[in-house]
Amino acid sequence: MTGQTLTFDAISKRYGDVVALENLSFDVRPGEIFGFVGSNGAGKTTTMRIALGVLAADAGEVRLGGRTVDLEVRRSIGYMPEERGLYPKMRVGRQLTYLAELHGLSHREATESAHRWTERLGIAERMNDTVDALSLGNQQRVQLAAALVHDPSVLILDEPFSGLDPVAVDVMSDVLAEKANTGVPVIFSSHQLDLVQQLCDRVGIITKGRMNSIGTVDELRGTGEVLLEVHAPEAPDGWADHLLGVSTVSHSDGRTVLSLGAGADDQAVLHAALKTGPVREFAVHKPTLTELFRKVVSA
């Protein structure tokens, strides 16, 4: 099933009077890393659990390659829950082999895959340790191995980078990119928006159970307020206020931050700045994903 689109089609879910998801629609394309972000309680985990069949949607459906996600399809999904689901007293190697067998691999295939993934994730020497004897970071690596050990066609990861040190973050990032490069659709949620901005092909921002914004990082950043940073040491306060679509955000020590609205021309701004004297710096600043997220959540 590798190389197929994971589709969320008009998903709705309520808990009594509380609306968890409302007509939520988006897709994760083959070979794409999709960042699913939102504040706590926005509906991210509920969406993922519906994809896995752990929760039932009140309306809508989840499909893989046009096929409704059923038991057979779910066996091809690799899932990493936010609340880790490992057996604490079971040895790492035995646990991974067992989980792979549950997904249909033979004992030999499961054992080989467990060795391969523990080696890839840097925990091969801990194969005979019980999970509760590991550090939290290594437990996280075992949890990722558990999501990968059956060679899934789809990866769904809930806060996979939580608690990882920088080296482990790099390893996890590389593994996700490798899986995506084989055509696997990858979706993960995270509050670490710098990582989302760095890794993801597209990002969806969910608020109160609805998809607020979706697109590539560049597309989303392009929808935010565009700021122009100008260092003109001799420019007086308000030097650009007469320009169409331009307003001053701040001015201090020759550094001016301008907001460019409809009709604004950055070349006209540069021309006006040069009239005041030398220009040391002239740069467009697009909002980061973190800045966009804060604006969406506070709206």
Protein backbone atom coordinates (compact mmCIF):
# COMPACT_ATOMS: atom_id res chain seq x y z
CA MET A 1 0.00 0.00 0.00
CA THR A 2 3.04 2.27 0.04
CA GLY A 3 2.65 5.35 -2.14
CA GLN A 4 -1.01 6.07 -1.44
CA THR A 5 -2.73 9.17 -0.09
CA LEU A 6 -4.14 9.22 3.43
CA THR A 7 -7.40 11.18 3.30
CA PHE A 8 -9.43 12.65 6.15
CA ASP A 9 -12.85 13.42 4.70
CA ALA A 10 -15.30 15.64 6.62
CA ILE A 11 -14.50 14.12 10.02
CA SER A 12 -16.71 15.19 12.92
CA LYS A 13 -16.61 14.04 16.54
CA ARG A 14 -18.44 15.19 19.66
CA TYR A 15 -18.16 14.28 23.32
CA GLY A 16 -21.57 15.22 24.65
CA ASP A 17 -21.86 18.96 24.11
CA VAL A 18 -18.16 19.35 23.37
CA VAL A 19 -17.21 19.55 19.69
CA ALA A 20 -13.84 17.81 19.26
CA LEU A 21 -13.76 17.84 15.43
CA GLU A 22 -16.05 19.61 13.00
CA ASN A 23 -16.04 18.74 9.29
CA LEU A 24 -12.27 18.29 9.26
CA SER A 25 -10.85 17.53 5.81
CA PHE A 26 -7.26 17.25 4.60
CA ASP A 27 -4.91 14.70 3.06
CA VAL A 28 -1.36 13.48 3.47
CA ARG A 29 0.22 12.67 0.14
CA PRO A 30 2.62 9.85 -0.76
CA GLY A 31 6.17 10.71 0.30
CA GLU A 32 5.03 13.79 2.18
CA ILE A 33 5.87 14.80 5.74
CA PHE A 34 2.82 16.61 7.08
CA GLY A 35 3.01 18.64 10.29
CA PHE A 36 -0.22 18.69 12.28
CA VAL A 37 -0.12 21.52 14.81
CA GLY A 38 -2.52 23.09 17.24
CA SER A 39 -2.87 24.01 20.89
CA ASN A 40 -3.73 21.41 23.52
CA GLY A 41 -7.30 20.22 23.03
CA ALA A 42 -7.49 21.39 19.41
CA GLY A 43 -8.26 17.88 18.13
CA LYS A 44 -4.93 16.49 16.94
CA THR A 45 -4.90 13.29 18.99
CA THR A 46 -8.60 12.67 18.36
CA THR A 47 -7.95 12.89 14.62
CA MET A 48 -5.11 10.39 14.81
CA ARG A 49 -7.08 7.96 16.95
CA ILE A 50 -9.95 8.04 14.47
CA ALA A 51 -7.50 7.19 11.68
CA LEU A 52 -6.43 4.15 13.68
CA GLY A 53 -9.96 3.04 14.53
CA VAL A 54 -9.36 3.56 18.26
CA LEU A 55 -12.17 6.12 18.15
CA ALA A 56 -15.15 6.16 15.82
CA ALA A 57 -16.04 9.36 13.98
CA ASP A 58 -19.61 10.62 14.27
CA ALA A 59 -19.43 11.57 10.59
CA GLY A 60 -16.95 11.38 7.73
CA GLU A 61 -14.31 8.77 7.04
CA VAL A 62 -10.59 8.14 6.72
CA ARG A 63 -9.29 6.50 3.53
CA LEU A 64 -5.97 5.19 2.30
CA GLY A 65 -5.69 5.22 -1.46
CA GLY A 66 -9.46 5.57 -1.75
CA ARG A 67 -10.15 2.59 0.52
CA THR A 68 -11.89 3.14 3.84
CA VAL A 69 -9.51 2.36 6.68
CA ASP A 70 -10.52 -1.07 7.99
CA LEU A 71 -8.74 -3.72 10.06
CA GLU A 72 -6.49 -4.82 7.20
CA VAL A 73 -5.49 -1.25 6.37
CA ARG A 74 -4.86 -0.46 10.05
CA ARG A 75 -2.33 -3.30 10.22
CA SER A 76 -0.25 -1.36 7.68
CA ILE A 77 -0.16 1.81 9.82
CA GLY A 78 2.76 2.67 12.06
CA TYR A 79 1.56 4.61 15.10
CA MET A 80 3.47 6.34 17.86
CA PRO A 81 1.11 7.57 20.59
CA GLU A 82 1.84 10.60 22.75
CA GLU A 83 1.16 8.49 25.83
CA ARG A 84 3.72 5.78 25.27
CA GLY A 85 2.31 2.26 25.01
CA LEU A 86 5.24 -0.04 25.72
CA TYR A 87 5.30 -3.00 28.11
CA PRO A 88 7.69 -1.79 30.84
CA LYS A 89 8.79 -5.22 32.08
CA MET A 90 9.30 -6.81 28.66
CA ARG A 91 12.74 -6.88 27.06
CA VAL A 92 13.20 -4.51 24.14
CA GLY A 93 14.05 -7.14 21.53
CA ARG A 94 11.26 -9.50 22.52
CA GLN A 95 8.75 -6.65 22.59
CA LEU A 96 9.60 -5.40 19.12
CA THR A 97 9.52 -8.93 17.71
CA TYR A 98 6.13 -9.53 19.34
CA LEU A 99 4.67 -6.29 17.97
CA ALA A 100 5.93 -7.07 14.47
CA GLU A 101 4.35 -10.53 14.64
CA LEU A 102 1.03 -8.95 15.64
CA HIS A 103 1.20 -7.03 12.35
CA GLY A 104 1.63 -10.25 10.39
CA LEU A 105 5.38 -10.75 10.08
CA SER A 106 6.84 -14.22 10.54
CA HIS A 107 9.04 -14.78 13.59
CA ARG A 108 12.17 -14.66 11.44
CA GLU A 109 11.07 -11.48 9.66
CA ALA A 110 10.08 -9.88 12.95
CA THR A 111 13.39 -10.73 14.60
CA GLU A 112 15.41 -9.40 11.67
CA SER A 113 13.37 -6.19 11.58
CA ALA A 114 13.75 -5.66 15.34
CA HIS A 115 17.54 -5.98 15.02
CA ARG A 116 17.61 -3.67 11.99
CA TRP A 117 15.62 -0.88 13.63
CA THR A 118 17.35 -1.00 17.00
CA GLU A 119 20.65 -0.75 15.13
CA ARG A 120 19.37 2.16 13.04
CA LEU A 121 18.07 4.01 16.11
CA GLY A 122 21.19 3.46 18.19
CA ILE A 123 19.72 1.14 20.82
CA ALA A 124 20.97 -2.26 19.63
CA GLU A 125 22.99 -2.72 22.82
CA ARG A 126 19.77 -2.39 24.85
CA MET A 127 17.93 -5.24 23.13
CA ASN A 128 18.08 -7.43 26.26
CA ASP A 129 17.11 -4.67 28.70
CA THR A 130 13.57 -4.20 29.94
CA VAL A 131 11.93 -0.97 28.82
CA ASP A 132 11.66 0.42 32.36
CA ALA A 133 15.46 0.18 32.69
CA LEU A 134 15.95 2.65 29.84
CA SER A 135 16.21 6.42 29.93
CA LEU A 136 13.17 8.32 28.70
CA GLY A 137 15.02 9.20 25.51
CA ASN A 138 15.82 5.57 24.77
CA GLN A 139 12.25 4.56 25.58
CA GLN A 140 11.23 7.07 22.94
CA ARG A 141 13.54 5.39 20.43
CA VAL A 142 12.02 2.00 21.24
CA GLN A 143 8.56 3.47 20.72
CA LEU A 144 9.60 4.72 17.29
CA ALA A 145 11.07 1.31 16.48
CA ALA A 146 7.72 -0.21 17.46
CA ALA A 147 6.00 2.06 14.92
CA LEU A 148 8.46 1.06 12.18
CA VAL A 149 9.19 -2.60 12.83
CA HIS A 150 6.44 -3.95 10.54
CA ASP A 151 7.46 -1.73 7.58
CA PRO A 152 4.29 0.40 7.63
CA SER A 153 2.65 1.99 4.62
CA VAL A 154 1.65 5.05 6.68
CA LEU A 155 3.27 6.71 9.70
CA ILE A 156 1.14 8.55 12.27
CA LEU A 157 3.19 10.02 15.12
CA ASP A 158 1.81 11.99 18.08
CA GLU A 159 4.47 14.30 19.57
CA PRO A 160 7.38 12.06 18.49
CA PHE A 161 10.08 14.60 19.43
CA SER A 162 8.89 15.16 22.99
CA GLY A 163 11.71 14.67 25.49
CA LEU A 164 14.42 13.87 22.94
CA ASP A 165 17.96 15.23 23.15
CA PRO A 166 19.39 16.98 20.05
CA VAL A 167 21.18 13.84 18.81
CA ALA A 168 18.00 11.78 19.08
CA VAL A 169 16.05 14.54 17.33
CA ASP A 170 18.47 14.34 14.40
CA VAL A 171 18.13 10.54 14.24
CA MET A 172 14.33 10.73 14.36
CA SER A 173 14.28 13.46 11.69
CA ASP A 174 16.49 11.41 9.39
CA VAL A 175 14.31 8.31 9.81
CA LEU A 176 11.12 10.22 8.99
CA ALA A 177 12.75 11.68 5.87
CA GLU A 178 13.97 8.22 4.82
CA LYS A 179 10.48 6.74 5.16
CA ALA A 180 8.93 9.62 3.24
CA ASN A 181 11.48 9.14 0.48
CA THR A 182 10.15 5.60 -0.03
CA GLY A 183 6.66 6.99 -0.72
CA VAL A 184 5.22 6.60 2.78
CA PRO A 185 2.86 9.41 3.87
CA VAL A 186 4.05 10.70 7.26
CA ILE A 187 1.94 12.81 9.61
CA PHE A 188 3.16 13.98 12.99
CA SER A 189 1.98 16.43 15.61
CA SER A 190 4.38 18.61 17.56
CA HIS A 191 4.60 21.75 19.65
CA GLN A 192 8.21 22.19 18.50
CA LEU A 193 7.35 24.44 15.59
CA ASP A 194 10.95 25.08 14.61
CA LEU A 195 11.22 21.36 13.82
CA VAL A 196 7.91 21.41 11.96
CA GLN A 197 9.12 24.34 9.86
CA GLN A 198 12.39 22.55 9.13
CA LEU A 199 11.05 19.07 8.32
CA CYS A 200 7.59 19.34 6.84
CA ASP A 201 6.50 19.58 3.22
CA ARG A 202 3.12 20.91 4.33
CA VAL A 203 1.58 22.01 7.60
CA GLY A 204 -1.98 22.08 8.88
CA ILE A 205 -2.97 24.30 11.82
CA ILE A 206 -6.06 23.06 13.65
CA THR A 207 -8.06 25.21 16.07
CA LYS A 208 -11.13 24.07 17.99
CA GLY A 209 -11.56 21.01 15.79
CA ARG A 210 -11.39 22.89 12.48
CA MET A 211 -8.56 23.20 9.98
CA ASN A 212 -7.63 26.87 10.20
CA SER A 213 -4.74 26.98 7.73
CA ILE A 214 -2.99 24.48 5.49
CA GLY A 215 -0.15 24.74 2.98
CA THR A 216 3.60 24.62 2.59
CA VAL A 217 5.62 26.53 5.16
CA ASP A 218 6.40 29.21 2.56
CA GLU A 219 2.72 29.49 1.62
CA LEU A 220 1.68 29.89 5.24
CA ARG A 221 4.43 32.39 5.98
CA GLY A 222 3.34 34.33 2.90
CA THR A 223 -0.15 34.79 4.35
CA GLY A 224 1.15 36.58 7.43
CA GLU A 225 2.11 40.18 7.90
CA VAL A 226 5.18 41.10 5.85
CA LEU A 227 7.65 43.26 7.73
CA LEU A 228 10.53 45.24 6.29
CA GLU A 229 13.58 45.91 8.45
CA VAL A 230 15.56 48.99 7.42
CA HIS A 231 18.76 50.28 9.01
CA ALA A 232 19.13 53.88 7.87
CA PRO A 233 21.14 55.65 10.61
CA GLU A 234 20.15 59.19 9.56
CA ALA A 235 16.44 58.51 8.93
CA PRO A 236 14.07 60.44 11.22
CA ASP A 237 11.09 58.87 12.94
CA GLY A 238 8.13 58.58 10.55
CA TRP A 239 10.24 58.86 7.42
CA ALA A 240 8.15 56.22 5.57
CA ASP A 241 4.68 57.07 6.84
CA HIS A 242 3.74 58.94 3.65
CA LEU A 243 4.21 55.84 1.48
CA LEU A 244 1.17 53.92 0.23
CA GLY A 245 0.39 50.81 2.29
CA VAL A 246 3.33 51.35 4.66
CA SER A 247 3.08 51.83 8.41
CA THR A 248 5.81 52.09 11.02
CA VAL A 249 5.92 49.32 13.61
CA SER A 250 9.00 50.57 15.46
CA HIS A 251 11.86 53.04 15.08
CA SER A 252 14.94 53.12 17.30
CA ASP A 253 18.60 54.02 16.80
CA GLY A 254 18.23 54.29 13.05
CA ARG A 255 16.51 50.91 12.76
CA THR A 256 12.95 50.94 11.45
CA VAL A 257 10.52 48.05 11.20
CA LEU A 258 7.76 48.68 8.65
CA SER A 259 4.56 46.78 7.95
CA LEU A 260 3.77 46.42 4.25
CA GLY A 261 0.08 46.31 3.43
CA ALA A 262 -1.92 46.31 0.21
CA GLY A 263 -0.34 48.42 -2.52
CA ALA A 264 3.00 48.78 -0.76
CA ASP A 265 6.10 48.88 -2.97
CA ASP A 266 9.35 47.85 -1.30
CA GLN A 267 11.35 49.67 -4.00
CA ALA A 268 9.55 52.90 -3.12
CA VAL A 269 10.50 52.27 0.51
CA LEU A 270 14.14 51.78 -0.46
CA HIS A 271 14.09 54.98 -2.53
CA ALA A 272 12.63 56.92 0.41
CA ALA A 273 15.21 55.45 2.79
CA LEU A 274 18.10 56.42 0.50
CA LYS A 275 16.82 60.00 0.46
CA THR A 276 17.52 60.20 4.20
CA GLY A 277 21.12 59.04 3.85
CA PRO A 278 23.03 55.74 3.72
CA VAL A 279 21.12 52.46 4.09
CA ARG A 280 23.07 49.78 5.97
CA GLU A 281 20.43 47.05 5.93
CA PHE A 282 17.24 46.41 3.98
CA ALA A 283 15.55 43.05 4.51
CA VAL A 284 12.10 41.51 4.24
CA HIS A 285 11.02 39.54 7.29
CA LYS A 286 8.30 36.93 6.87
CA PRO A 287 6.74 35.59 10.06
CA THR A 288 8.01 32.27 11.35
CA LEU A 289 5.64 29.36 11.81
CA THR A 290 5.77 30.01 15.55
CA GLU A 291 4.68 33.62 15.04
CA LEU A 292 1.86 32.54 12.73
CA PHE A 293 0.72 29.89 15.20
CA ARG A 294 0.57 32.38 18.06
CA LYS A 295 -1.48 34.74 15.93
CA VAL A 296 -3.93 32.00 14.89
CA VAL A 297 -4.37 30.71 18.44
CA SER A 298 -4.89 34.18 19.91
CA ALA A 299 -7.43 35.19 17.24
